[in-house]
């Protein structure tokens, strides 16, 4: 079980999307990028052309194909908002908009490729653990696994997706031991 991965998945021909599942290759995406920036007009379109650019960031297509999708942060190379916060990437993967409150971009980039919150959490947790051969130790809360978790100050399933990254981590537990508490 080699669990090959391809990181920095950006542009994939639609005919190649099903190959990830059939070959058992894990696409590792960077959802923090999944929004429009002027870089797309200045660099991506001239370099790749409109046909290939139309297939950029195919998150939902990969998930729908049955591939085990995981995500990475790509820090410090994220486009224009440097962050290591998982909730920032989760929010961007769902809404397809920049994190900056000052951004004038209001339409999601490739809205058909956005995924829901449950999917983003799975991509960030159990799928990431699977990609690292750790799905039997971590990635989900189950008896016998390491208790690796973060407690946040609100139920992100009950708020607007645009506000998910406003949630604050109030406690972090690593291997069953509290390592952070926000008092």
N, C-alpha and C. Protein backbone atom coordinates (compact mmCIF):
# COMPACT_ATOMS: atom_id res chain seq x y z
N UNK A 1 0.85 -1.18 0.00
CA UNK A 1 0.00 0.00 0.00
C UNK A 1 0.90 1.24 0.00
N UNK A 2 1.16 1.75 -1.17
CA UNK A 2 2.09 2.88 -1.27
C UNK A 2 1.42 4.23 -1.07
N UNK A 3 0.11 4.30 -1.27
CA UNK A 3 -0.63 5.55 -1.10
C UNK A 3 0.08 6.73 -1.75
N UNK A 4 0.25 6.62 -3.03
CA UNK A 4 0.85 7.73 -3.75
C UNK A 4 -0.04 8.96 -3.65
N UNK A 5 0.61 10.12 -3.58
CA UNK A 5 -0.10 11.39 -3.49
C UNK A 5 0.45 12.32 -4.57
N UNK A 6 -0.40 13.18 -5.04
CA UNK A 6 0.05 14.29 -5.87
C UNK A 6 -0.40 15.55 -5.17
N UNK A 7 0.58 16.33 -4.73
CA UNK A 7 0.29 17.57 -4.01
C UNK A 7 0.23 18.73 -4.99
N UNK A 8 -0.38 19.79 -4.54
CA UNK A 8 -0.54 21.02 -5.33
C UNK A 8 -1.42 20.76 -6.55
N UNK A 9 -2.44 19.97 -6.37
CA UNK A 9 -3.38 19.72 -7.46
C UNK A 9 -4.03 21.05 -7.83
N UNK A 10 -3.86 21.44 -9.06
CA UNK A 10 -4.44 22.70 -9.53
C UNK A 10 -5.25 22.50 -10.79
N UNK A 11 -4.63 22.05 -11.84
CA UNK A 11 -5.30 21.91 -13.13
C UNK A 11 -5.29 20.44 -13.52
N UNK A 12 -6.47 19.89 -13.74
CA UNK A 12 -6.60 18.49 -14.13
C UNK A 12 -7.56 18.41 -15.30
N UNK A 13 -7.18 17.71 -16.32
CA UNK A 13 -8.10 17.45 -17.42
C UNK A 13 -9.28 16.65 -16.87
N UNK A 14 -10.50 17.00 -17.22
CA UNK A 14 -11.66 16.26 -16.72
C UNK A 14 -11.57 14.75 -16.97
N UNK A 15 -10.92 14.35 -18.07
CA UNK A 15 -10.81 12.91 -18.34
C UNK A 15 -9.85 12.22 -17.37
N UNK A 16 -8.98 12.98 -16.70
CA UNK A 16 -8.04 12.41 -15.74
C UNK A 16 -8.59 12.35 -14.32
N UNK A 17 -9.66 13.08 -14.02
CA UNK A 17 -10.20 13.10 -12.66
C UNK A 17 -10.53 11.70 -12.16
N UNK A 18 -11.22 10.84 -12.92
CA UNK A 18 -11.54 9.50 -12.41
C UNK A 18 -10.31 8.61 -12.18
N UNK A 19 -9.21 8.95 -12.78
CA UNK A 19 -8.01 8.13 -12.66
C UNK A 19 -7.45 8.11 -11.23
N UNK A 20 -7.70 9.17 -10.46
CA UNK A 20 -7.21 9.20 -9.08
C UNK A 20 -7.76 8.03 -8.29
N UNK A 21 -9.07 7.83 -8.37
CA UNK A 21 -9.68 6.71 -7.64
C UNK A 21 -9.20 5.38 -8.21
N UNK A 22 -9.24 5.24 -9.53
CA UNK A 22 -8.89 3.95 -10.12
C UNK A 22 -7.43 3.57 -9.86
N UNK A 23 -6.55 4.55 -9.75
CA UNK A 23 -5.14 4.28 -9.49
C UNK A 23 -4.79 4.32 -7.99
N UNK A 24 -5.77 4.74 -7.18
CA UNK A 24 -5.50 4.84 -5.75
C UNK A 24 -4.59 5.99 -5.38
N UNK A 25 -4.53 7.01 -6.21
CA UNK A 25 -3.69 8.17 -5.95
C UNK A 25 -4.50 9.22 -5.18
N UNK A 26 -3.90 9.78 -4.16
CA UNK A 26 -4.57 10.77 -3.32
C UNK A 26 -4.23 12.17 -3.83
N UNK A 27 -5.24 12.91 -4.30
CA UNK A 27 -4.97 14.30 -4.67
C UNK A 27 -4.92 15.16 -3.40
N UNK A 28 -3.86 15.93 -3.25
CA UNK A 28 -3.72 16.82 -2.10
C UNK A 28 -3.91 18.24 -2.61
N UNK A 29 -5.00 18.84 -2.21
CA UNK A 29 -5.39 20.17 -2.68
C UNK A 29 -4.99 21.23 -1.65
N UNK A 30 -5.00 22.48 -2.07
CA UNK A 30 -4.75 23.61 -1.20
C UNK A 30 -5.97 24.53 -1.29
N UNK A 31 -7.02 24.26 -0.52
CA UNK A 31 -8.25 25.05 -0.67
C UNK A 31 -8.10 26.51 -0.31
N UNK A 32 -7.04 26.89 0.35
CA UNK A 32 -6.81 28.30 0.66
C UNK A 32 -6.65 29.12 -0.63
N UNK A 33 -6.32 28.44 -1.74
CA UNK A 33 -6.16 29.12 -3.04
C UNK A 33 -7.48 29.26 -3.79
N UNK A 34 -8.51 28.60 -3.43
CA UNK A 34 -9.67 28.40 -4.29
C UNK A 34 -10.57 29.62 -4.43
N UNK A 35 -9.99 30.69 -4.90
CA UNK A 35 -10.77 31.89 -5.20
C UNK A 35 -10.06 32.67 -6.31
N UNK A 36 -10.77 33.60 -6.89
CA UNK A 36 -10.21 34.41 -7.98
C UNK A 36 -9.25 35.44 -7.41
N UNK A 37 -8.11 35.62 -8.10
CA UNK A 37 -7.20 36.73 -7.84
C UNK A 37 -6.76 37.28 -9.19
N UNK A 38 -6.27 38.50 -9.24
CA UNK A 38 -5.74 39.05 -10.50
C UNK A 38 -4.62 38.20 -11.09
N UNK A 39 -3.93 37.40 -10.28
CA UNK A 39 -2.89 36.49 -10.74
C UNK A 39 -3.43 35.57 -11.85
N UNK A 40 -4.69 35.20 -11.74
CA UNK A 40 -5.29 34.32 -12.74
C UNK A 40 -5.30 35.01 -14.11
N UNK A 41 -5.67 36.28 -14.15
CA UNK A 41 -5.68 37.02 -15.43
C UNK A 41 -4.28 37.34 -15.92
N UNK A 42 -3.38 37.66 -14.99
CA UNK A 42 -2.04 38.09 -15.37
C UNK A 42 -1.10 36.94 -15.71
N UNK A 43 -1.25 35.80 -15.02
CA UNK A 43 -0.29 34.71 -15.18
C UNK A 43 -0.95 33.42 -15.68
N UNK A 44 -1.99 32.98 -14.99
CA UNK A 44 -2.58 31.68 -15.29
C UNK A 44 -3.19 31.64 -16.69
N UNK A 45 -4.06 32.58 -17.01
CA UNK A 45 -4.68 32.58 -18.35
C UNK A 45 -3.66 32.71 -19.47
N UNK A 46 -2.70 33.65 -19.40
CA UNK A 46 -1.71 33.71 -20.47
C UNK A 46 -0.86 32.45 -20.59
N UNK A 47 -0.54 31.82 -19.45
CA UNK A 47 0.32 30.64 -19.48
C UNK A 47 -0.42 29.38 -19.89
N UNK A 48 -1.64 29.21 -19.40
CA UNK A 48 -2.38 27.97 -19.63
C UNK A 48 -3.47 28.08 -20.69
N UNK A 49 -3.94 29.29 -20.92
CA UNK A 49 -5.05 29.48 -21.85
C UNK A 49 -6.38 29.23 -21.16
N UNK A 50 -7.47 29.69 -21.78
CA UNK A 50 -8.78 29.60 -21.14
C UNK A 50 -9.30 28.17 -20.97
N UNK A 51 -8.98 27.26 -21.90
CA UNK A 51 -9.50 25.89 -21.79
C UNK A 51 -8.95 25.19 -20.56
N UNK A 52 -7.64 25.25 -20.36
CA UNK A 52 -7.06 24.59 -19.18
C UNK A 52 -7.39 25.34 -17.90
N UNK A 53 -7.42 26.67 -17.96
CA UNK A 53 -7.76 27.45 -16.76
C UNK A 53 -9.19 27.13 -16.29
N UNK A 54 -10.05 26.76 -17.21
CA UNK A 54 -11.43 26.41 -16.83
C UNK A 54 -11.47 25.17 -15.94
N UNK A 55 -10.39 24.42 -15.88
CA UNK A 55 -10.36 23.19 -15.07
C UNK A 55 -9.45 23.33 -13.84
N UNK A 56 -9.29 24.57 -13.38
CA UNK A 56 -8.44 24.82 -12.23
C UNK A 56 -9.23 24.54 -10.94
N UNK A 57 -8.55 24.00 -9.95
CA UNK A 57 -9.10 23.73 -8.61
C UNK A 57 -10.36 22.85 -8.65
N UNK A 58 -10.29 21.66 -9.19
CA UNK A 58 -11.49 20.82 -9.34
C UNK A 58 -11.84 20.00 -8.08
N UNK A 59 -11.97 20.67 -6.96
CA UNK A 59 -12.20 19.99 -5.67
C UNK A 59 -13.43 19.09 -5.69
N UNK A 60 -14.57 19.62 -6.04
CA UNK A 60 -15.81 18.82 -6.01
C UNK A 60 -15.75 17.68 -7.02
N UNK A 61 -15.19 17.93 -8.17
CA UNK A 61 -15.06 16.87 -9.17
C UNK A 61 -14.24 15.71 -8.63
N UNK A 62 -13.15 16.02 -7.93
CA UNK A 62 -12.32 14.97 -7.34
C UNK A 62 -13.07 14.20 -6.26
N UNK A 63 -13.76 14.94 -5.39
CA UNK A 63 -14.54 14.30 -4.32
C UNK A 63 -15.64 13.42 -4.92
N UNK A 64 -16.37 13.98 -5.89
CA UNK A 64 -17.48 13.24 -6.51
C UNK A 64 -17.00 12.00 -7.27
N UNK A 65 -15.75 12.00 -7.69
CA UNK A 65 -15.21 10.85 -8.44
C UNK A 65 -14.93 9.66 -7.51
N UNK A 66 -14.96 9.91 -6.21
CA UNK A 66 -14.67 8.85 -5.25
C UNK A 66 -13.22 8.81 -4.79
N UNK A 67 -12.41 9.73 -5.28
CA UNK A 67 -11.02 9.80 -4.83
C UNK A 67 -10.97 10.20 -3.36
N UNK A 68 -9.95 9.75 -2.66
CA UNK A 68 -9.72 10.18 -1.28
C UNK A 68 -8.92 11.46 -1.35
N UNK A 69 -9.58 12.59 -1.16
CA UNK A 69 -8.95 13.90 -1.28
C UNK A 69 -8.49 14.36 0.10
N UNK A 70 -7.25 14.84 0.18
CA UNK A 70 -6.72 15.42 1.41
C UNK A 70 -6.31 16.86 1.10
N UNK A 71 -6.04 17.62 2.16
CA UNK A 71 -5.57 18.98 1.86
C UNK A 71 -4.34 19.35 2.66
N UNK A 72 -3.57 20.25 2.05
CA UNK A 72 -2.38 20.81 2.67
C UNK A 72 -2.52 22.31 2.75
N UNK A 73 -1.67 22.93 3.55
CA UNK A 73 -1.78 24.38 3.76
C UNK A 73 -1.04 25.18 2.70
N UNK A 74 0.06 24.66 2.21
CA UNK A 74 0.94 25.35 1.27
C UNK A 74 1.54 26.62 1.85
N UNK A 75 1.53 26.75 3.13
CA UNK A 75 2.10 27.92 3.76
C UNK A 75 3.61 27.89 3.64
N UNK A 76 4.31 28.98 3.37
CA UNK A 76 3.83 30.34 3.31
C UNK A 76 3.53 30.83 1.90
N UNK A 77 3.20 29.95 1.01
CA UNK A 77 3.01 30.32 -0.38
C UNK A 77 1.55 30.56 -0.76
N UNK A 78 0.67 30.63 0.20
CA UNK A 78 -0.73 30.92 -0.12
C UNK A 78 -0.80 32.26 -0.84
N UNK A 79 -1.79 32.41 -1.65
CA UNK A 79 -1.83 33.50 -2.62
C UNK A 79 -1.60 34.88 -2.02
N UNK A 80 -2.57 35.44 -1.33
CA UNK A 80 -2.39 36.81 -0.84
C UNK A 80 -2.78 36.96 0.62
N UNK A 81 -3.01 35.87 1.28
CA UNK A 81 -3.41 35.92 2.68
C UNK A 81 -2.73 34.76 3.38
N UNK A 82 -1.59 35.02 3.99
CA UNK A 82 -0.79 33.95 4.59
C UNK A 82 -1.44 33.49 5.89
N UNK A 83 -1.74 32.21 5.97
CA UNK A 83 -2.39 31.67 7.15
C UNK A 83 -2.10 30.17 7.26
N UNK A 84 -2.02 29.70 8.47
CA UNK A 84 -1.92 28.27 8.74
C UNK A 84 -3.20 27.76 9.40
N UNK A 85 -4.19 28.61 9.57
CA UNK A 85 -5.41 28.25 10.28
C UNK A 85 -6.28 27.32 9.43
N UNK A 86 -6.53 26.11 9.89
CA UNK A 86 -7.38 25.19 9.13
C UNK A 86 -8.76 25.75 8.83
N UNK A 87 -9.33 26.53 9.74
CA UNK A 87 -10.67 27.08 9.49
C UNK A 87 -10.67 28.07 8.33
N UNK A 88 -9.55 28.71 8.06
CA UNK A 88 -9.46 29.60 6.89
C UNK A 88 -9.56 28.79 5.60
N UNK A 89 -8.81 27.70 5.53
CA UNK A 89 -8.86 26.85 4.33
C UNK A 89 -10.21 26.17 4.18
N UNK A 90 -10.79 25.74 5.28
CA UNK A 90 -12.12 25.11 5.22
C UNK A 90 -13.14 26.10 4.69
N UNK A 91 -13.12 27.32 5.20
CA UNK A 91 -14.05 28.36 4.73
C UNK A 91 -13.86 28.64 3.23
N UNK A 92 -12.61 28.77 2.81
CA UNK A 92 -12.36 29.09 1.41
C UNK A 92 -12.79 27.96 0.49
N UNK A 93 -12.58 26.71 0.92
CA UNK A 93 -13.03 25.57 0.12
C UNK A 93 -14.53 25.50 -0.04
N UNK A 94 -15.26 26.10 0.91
CA UNK A 94 -16.72 26.08 0.87
C UNK A 94 -17.28 27.26 0.09
N UNK A 95 -16.74 28.46 0.33
CA UNK A 95 -17.34 29.66 -0.27
C UNK A 95 -16.66 30.13 -1.54
N UNK A 96 -15.39 29.78 -1.75
CA UNK A 96 -14.69 30.19 -2.97
C UNK A 96 -14.44 31.67 -3.06
N UNK A 97 -14.26 32.31 -1.90
CA UNK A 97 -14.00 33.75 -1.86
C UNK A 97 -12.77 34.05 -1.02
N UNK A 98 -12.11 35.18 -1.28
CA UNK A 98 -10.92 35.54 -0.49
C UNK A 98 -11.26 35.70 0.99
N UNK A 99 -10.26 35.55 1.83
CA UNK A 99 -10.44 35.74 3.27
C UNK A 99 -10.50 37.20 3.67
N UNK A 100 -9.78 38.04 2.95
CA UNK A 100 -9.69 39.45 3.31
C UNK A 100 -11.06 40.11 3.27
N UNK A 101 -11.41 40.77 4.37
CA UNK A 101 -12.69 41.49 4.45
C UNK A 101 -12.69 42.71 3.52
N UNK A 102 -11.50 43.16 3.11
CA UNK A 102 -11.39 44.32 2.23
C UNK A 102 -11.47 43.95 0.75
N UNK A 103 -11.54 42.68 0.45
CA UNK A 103 -11.57 42.25 -0.95
C UNK A 103 -12.84 42.72 -1.64
N UNK A 104 -12.68 43.13 -2.90
CA UNK A 104 -13.84 43.53 -3.69
C UNK A 104 -14.38 42.37 -4.53
N UNK A 105 -13.84 41.18 -4.34
CA UNK A 105 -14.30 40.00 -5.07
C UNK A 105 -15.49 39.42 -4.31
N UNK A 106 -16.63 39.36 -4.97
CA UNK A 106 -17.87 38.93 -4.31
C UNK A 106 -18.49 37.69 -4.95
N UNK A 107 -17.95 37.27 -6.07
CA UNK A 107 -18.48 36.08 -6.75
C UNK A 107 -17.50 34.93 -6.59
N UNK A 108 -17.99 33.75 -6.21
CA UNK A 108 -17.08 32.60 -6.07
C UNK A 108 -16.44 32.23 -7.40
N UNK A 109 -15.20 31.81 -7.33
CA UNK A 109 -14.47 31.35 -8.50
C UNK A 109 -14.80 29.89 -8.69
N UNK A 110 -15.25 29.50 -9.85
CA UNK A 110 -15.68 28.12 -10.14
C UNK A 110 -16.61 27.60 -9.04
N UNK A 111 -17.77 28.24 -8.88
CA UNK A 111 -18.67 27.84 -7.79
C UNK A 111 -19.09 26.37 -7.84
N UNK A 112 -19.07 25.78 -9.02
CA UNK A 112 -19.45 24.37 -9.15
C UNK A 112 -18.44 23.44 -8.50
N UNK A 113 -17.27 23.93 -8.13
CA UNK A 113 -16.24 23.11 -7.52
C UNK A 113 -16.14 23.28 -6.00
N UNK A 114 -17.05 24.07 -5.43
CA UNK A 114 -17.07 24.21 -3.97
C UNK A 114 -17.66 22.94 -3.36
N UNK A 115 -17.29 22.67 -2.12
CA UNK A 115 -17.82 21.51 -1.40
C UNK A 115 -18.46 21.98 -0.10
N UNK A 116 -19.17 21.07 0.56
CA UNK A 116 -19.85 21.44 1.80
C UNK A 116 -18.92 21.29 3.01
N UNK A 117 -19.41 21.74 4.15
CA UNK A 117 -18.61 21.74 5.37
C UNK A 117 -18.21 20.33 5.80
N UNK A 118 -19.14 19.40 5.76
CA UNK A 118 -18.83 18.02 6.15
C UNK A 118 -17.67 17.47 5.31
N UNK A 119 -17.73 17.72 4.02
CA UNK A 119 -16.66 17.25 3.13
C UNK A 119 -15.33 17.90 3.48
N UNK A 120 -15.34 19.20 3.71
CA UNK A 120 -14.09 19.89 4.04
C UNK A 120 -13.49 19.36 5.34
N UNK A 121 -14.34 19.06 6.31
CA UNK A 121 -13.82 18.52 7.57
C UNK A 121 -13.21 17.14 7.34
N UNK A 122 -13.86 16.31 6.54
CA UNK A 122 -13.31 14.98 6.24
C UNK A 122 -11.98 15.08 5.48
N UNK A 123 -11.91 16.00 4.53
CA UNK A 123 -10.67 16.20 3.77
C UNK A 123 -9.55 16.64 4.70
N UNK A 124 -9.89 17.45 5.71
CA UNK A 124 -8.89 17.97 6.64
C UNK A 124 -8.51 16.99 7.73
N UNK A 125 -9.35 16.01 8.02
CA UNK A 125 -9.11 15.14 9.17
C UNK A 125 -8.85 13.69 8.76
N UNK A 126 -9.88 12.93 8.58
CA UNK A 126 -9.71 11.50 8.33
C UNK A 126 -8.98 11.22 7.02
N UNK A 127 -9.25 12.03 5.99
CA UNK A 127 -8.55 11.81 4.72
C UNK A 127 -7.07 12.18 4.82
N UNK A 128 -6.77 13.23 5.57
CA UNK A 128 -5.37 13.58 5.80
C UNK A 128 -4.65 12.50 6.59
N UNK A 129 -5.34 11.94 7.58
CA UNK A 129 -4.75 10.84 8.35
C UNK A 129 -4.51 9.64 7.44
N UNK A 130 -5.47 9.32 6.58
CA UNK A 130 -5.32 8.21 5.65
C UNK A 130 -4.11 8.44 4.73
N UNK A 131 -3.98 9.65 4.22
CA UNK A 131 -2.87 9.97 3.32
C UNK A 131 -1.52 9.78 3.99
N UNK A 132 -1.49 9.86 5.31
CA UNK A 132 -0.25 9.72 6.08
C UNK A 132 -0.14 8.36 6.76
N UNK A 133 -0.97 7.40 6.36
CA UNK A 133 -0.98 6.06 6.97
C UNK A 133 -1.31 6.11 8.46
N UNK A 134 -2.11 7.08 8.89
CA UNK A 134 -2.40 7.23 10.31
C UNK A 134 -3.89 7.11 10.63
N UNK A 135 -4.69 6.62 9.71
CA UNK A 135 -6.13 6.56 9.92
C UNK A 135 -6.55 5.65 11.07
N UNK A 136 -5.67 4.74 11.51
CA UNK A 136 -5.99 3.88 12.65
C UNK A 136 -5.60 4.52 13.97
N UNK A 137 -4.84 5.62 13.91
CA UNK A 137 -4.41 6.31 15.13
C UNK A 137 -5.10 7.64 15.35
N UNK A 138 -5.44 8.33 14.27
CA UNK A 138 -5.98 9.69 14.39
C UNK A 138 -6.89 9.98 13.20
N UNK A 139 -7.41 11.19 13.14
CA UNK A 139 -8.24 11.60 12.01
C UNK A 139 -9.73 11.56 12.30
N UNK A 140 -10.13 10.84 13.36
CA UNK A 140 -11.53 10.79 13.79
C UNK A 140 -11.55 10.47 15.27
N UNK A 141 -12.65 10.79 15.91
CA UNK A 141 -12.79 10.52 17.34
C UNK A 141 -13.42 9.16 17.52
N UNK A 142 -12.58 8.19 17.88
CA UNK A 142 -13.04 6.82 18.08
C UNK A 142 -12.26 6.20 19.22
N UNK A 143 -12.90 5.25 19.88
CA UNK A 143 -12.23 4.51 20.95
C UNK A 143 -10.98 3.86 20.38
N UNK A 144 -9.87 4.00 21.10
CA UNK A 144 -8.63 3.39 20.69
C UNK A 144 -7.72 4.29 19.87
N UNK A 145 -8.24 5.42 19.41
CA UNK A 145 -7.41 6.35 18.65
C UNK A 145 -6.87 7.43 19.57
N UNK A 146 -5.80 8.09 19.12
CA UNK A 146 -5.26 9.22 19.85
C UNK A 146 -6.33 10.31 19.92
N UNK A 147 -6.43 10.95 21.03
CA UNK A 147 -7.42 12.03 21.16
C UNK A 147 -6.76 13.33 20.70
N UNK A 148 -6.71 13.53 19.40
CA UNK A 148 -6.19 14.76 18.81
C UNK A 148 -7.40 15.58 18.38
N UNK A 149 -7.62 16.72 19.00
CA UNK A 149 -8.79 17.51 18.64
C UNK A 149 -8.62 18.96 19.04
N UNK A 150 -9.41 19.77 18.41
CA UNK A 150 -9.50 21.18 18.76
C UNK A 150 -10.94 21.47 19.10
N UNK A 151 -11.13 22.23 20.17
CA UNK A 151 -12.47 22.66 20.58
C UNK A 151 -12.61 24.11 20.16
N UNK A 152 -13.67 24.41 19.44
CA UNK A 152 -13.88 25.80 19.01
C UNK A 152 -15.08 26.38 19.73
N UNK A 153 -15.21 27.69 19.67
CA UNK A 153 -16.18 28.40 20.49
C UNK A 153 -17.60 28.43 19.94
N UNK A 154 -17.84 27.77 18.81
CA UNK A 154 -19.21 27.75 18.26
C UNK A 154 -19.40 26.54 17.36
N UNK A 155 -20.65 26.27 17.08
CA UNK A 155 -21.00 25.16 16.18
C UNK A 155 -20.95 25.70 14.76
N UNK A 156 -19.92 25.35 14.02
CA UNK A 156 -19.75 25.91 12.68
C UNK A 156 -20.77 25.36 11.68
N UNK A 157 -21.51 24.34 12.06
CA UNK A 157 -22.59 23.86 11.20
C UNK A 157 -23.84 24.73 11.32
N UNK A 158 -23.86 25.66 12.28
CA UNK A 158 -25.04 26.49 12.50
C UNK A 158 -24.81 27.96 12.17
N UNK A 159 -23.68 28.27 11.55
CA UNK A 159 -23.40 29.66 11.18
C UNK A 159 -23.18 29.74 9.68
N UNK A 160 -23.15 30.95 9.16
CA UNK A 160 -22.86 31.15 7.75
C UNK A 160 -21.47 30.63 7.42
N UNK A 161 -21.34 29.99 6.27
CA UNK A 161 -20.04 29.47 5.85
C UNK A 161 -19.00 30.59 5.77
N UNK A 162 -19.43 31.79 5.43
CA UNK A 162 -18.49 32.92 5.34
C UNK A 162 -17.88 33.28 6.69
N UNK A 163 -18.53 32.85 7.78
CA UNK A 163 -18.06 33.20 9.12
C UNK A 163 -17.33 32.07 9.83
N UNK A 164 -17.16 30.94 9.18
CA UNK A 164 -16.53 29.79 9.82
C UNK A 164 -15.17 30.13 10.39
N UNK A 165 -14.39 30.88 9.66
CA UNK A 165 -13.04 31.17 10.13
C UNK A 165 -13.00 32.23 11.23
N UNK A 166 -14.14 32.76 11.61
CA UNK A 166 -14.19 33.65 12.77
C UNK A 166 -14.26 32.86 14.08
N UNK A 167 -14.53 31.56 13.99
CA UNK A 167 -14.56 30.73 15.18
C UNK A 167 -13.17 30.71 15.80
N UNK A 168 -13.14 30.67 17.12
CA UNK A 168 -11.87 30.67 17.85
C UNK A 168 -11.60 29.30 18.45
N UNK A 169 -10.37 28.86 18.38
CA UNK A 169 -9.97 27.64 19.06
C UNK A 169 -9.84 28.00 20.54
N UNK A 170 -10.56 27.26 21.39
CA UNK A 170 -10.49 27.54 22.83
C UNK A 170 -9.72 26.46 23.59
N UNK A 171 -9.52 25.31 22.93
CA UNK A 171 -8.72 24.26 23.56
C UNK A 171 -8.21 23.32 22.48
N UNK A 172 -6.99 22.83 22.68
CA UNK A 172 -6.41 21.83 21.79
C UNK A 172 -5.91 20.66 22.63
N UNK A 173 -6.24 19.45 22.17
CA UNK A 173 -5.82 18.23 22.85
C UNK A 173 -4.99 17.43 21.86
N UNK A 174 -3.83 16.97 22.28
CA UNK A 174 -2.94 16.18 21.45
C UNK A 174 -2.62 14.88 22.19
N UNK A 175 -2.94 13.77 21.56
CA UNK A 175 -2.74 12.45 22.16
C UNK A 175 -3.36 12.38 23.56
N UNK A 176 -4.54 12.99 23.69
CA UNK A 176 -5.29 12.92 24.93
C UNK A 176 -4.85 13.91 26.00
N UNK A 177 -3.86 14.74 25.69
CA UNK A 177 -3.36 15.70 26.69
C UNK A 177 -3.64 17.11 26.22
N UNK A 178 -4.18 17.91 27.11
CA UNK A 178 -4.45 19.30 26.78
C UNK A 178 -3.14 20.03 26.58
N UNK A 179 -2.98 20.66 25.41
CA UNK A 179 -1.76 21.40 25.13
C UNK A 179 -2.00 22.90 24.95
N UNK A 180 -3.28 23.27 24.87
CA UNK A 180 -3.60 24.69 24.74
C UNK A 180 -4.99 24.93 25.32
N UNK A 181 -5.13 26.04 26.03
CA UNK A 181 -6.43 26.49 26.50
C UNK A 181 -6.44 28.01 26.47
N UNK A 182 -7.47 28.57 25.85
CA UNK A 182 -7.64 30.02 25.78
C UNK A 182 -8.54 30.41 26.96
N UNK A 183 -7.94 31.05 27.91
CA UNK A 183 -8.73 31.43 29.11
C UNK A 183 -9.34 32.77 28.96
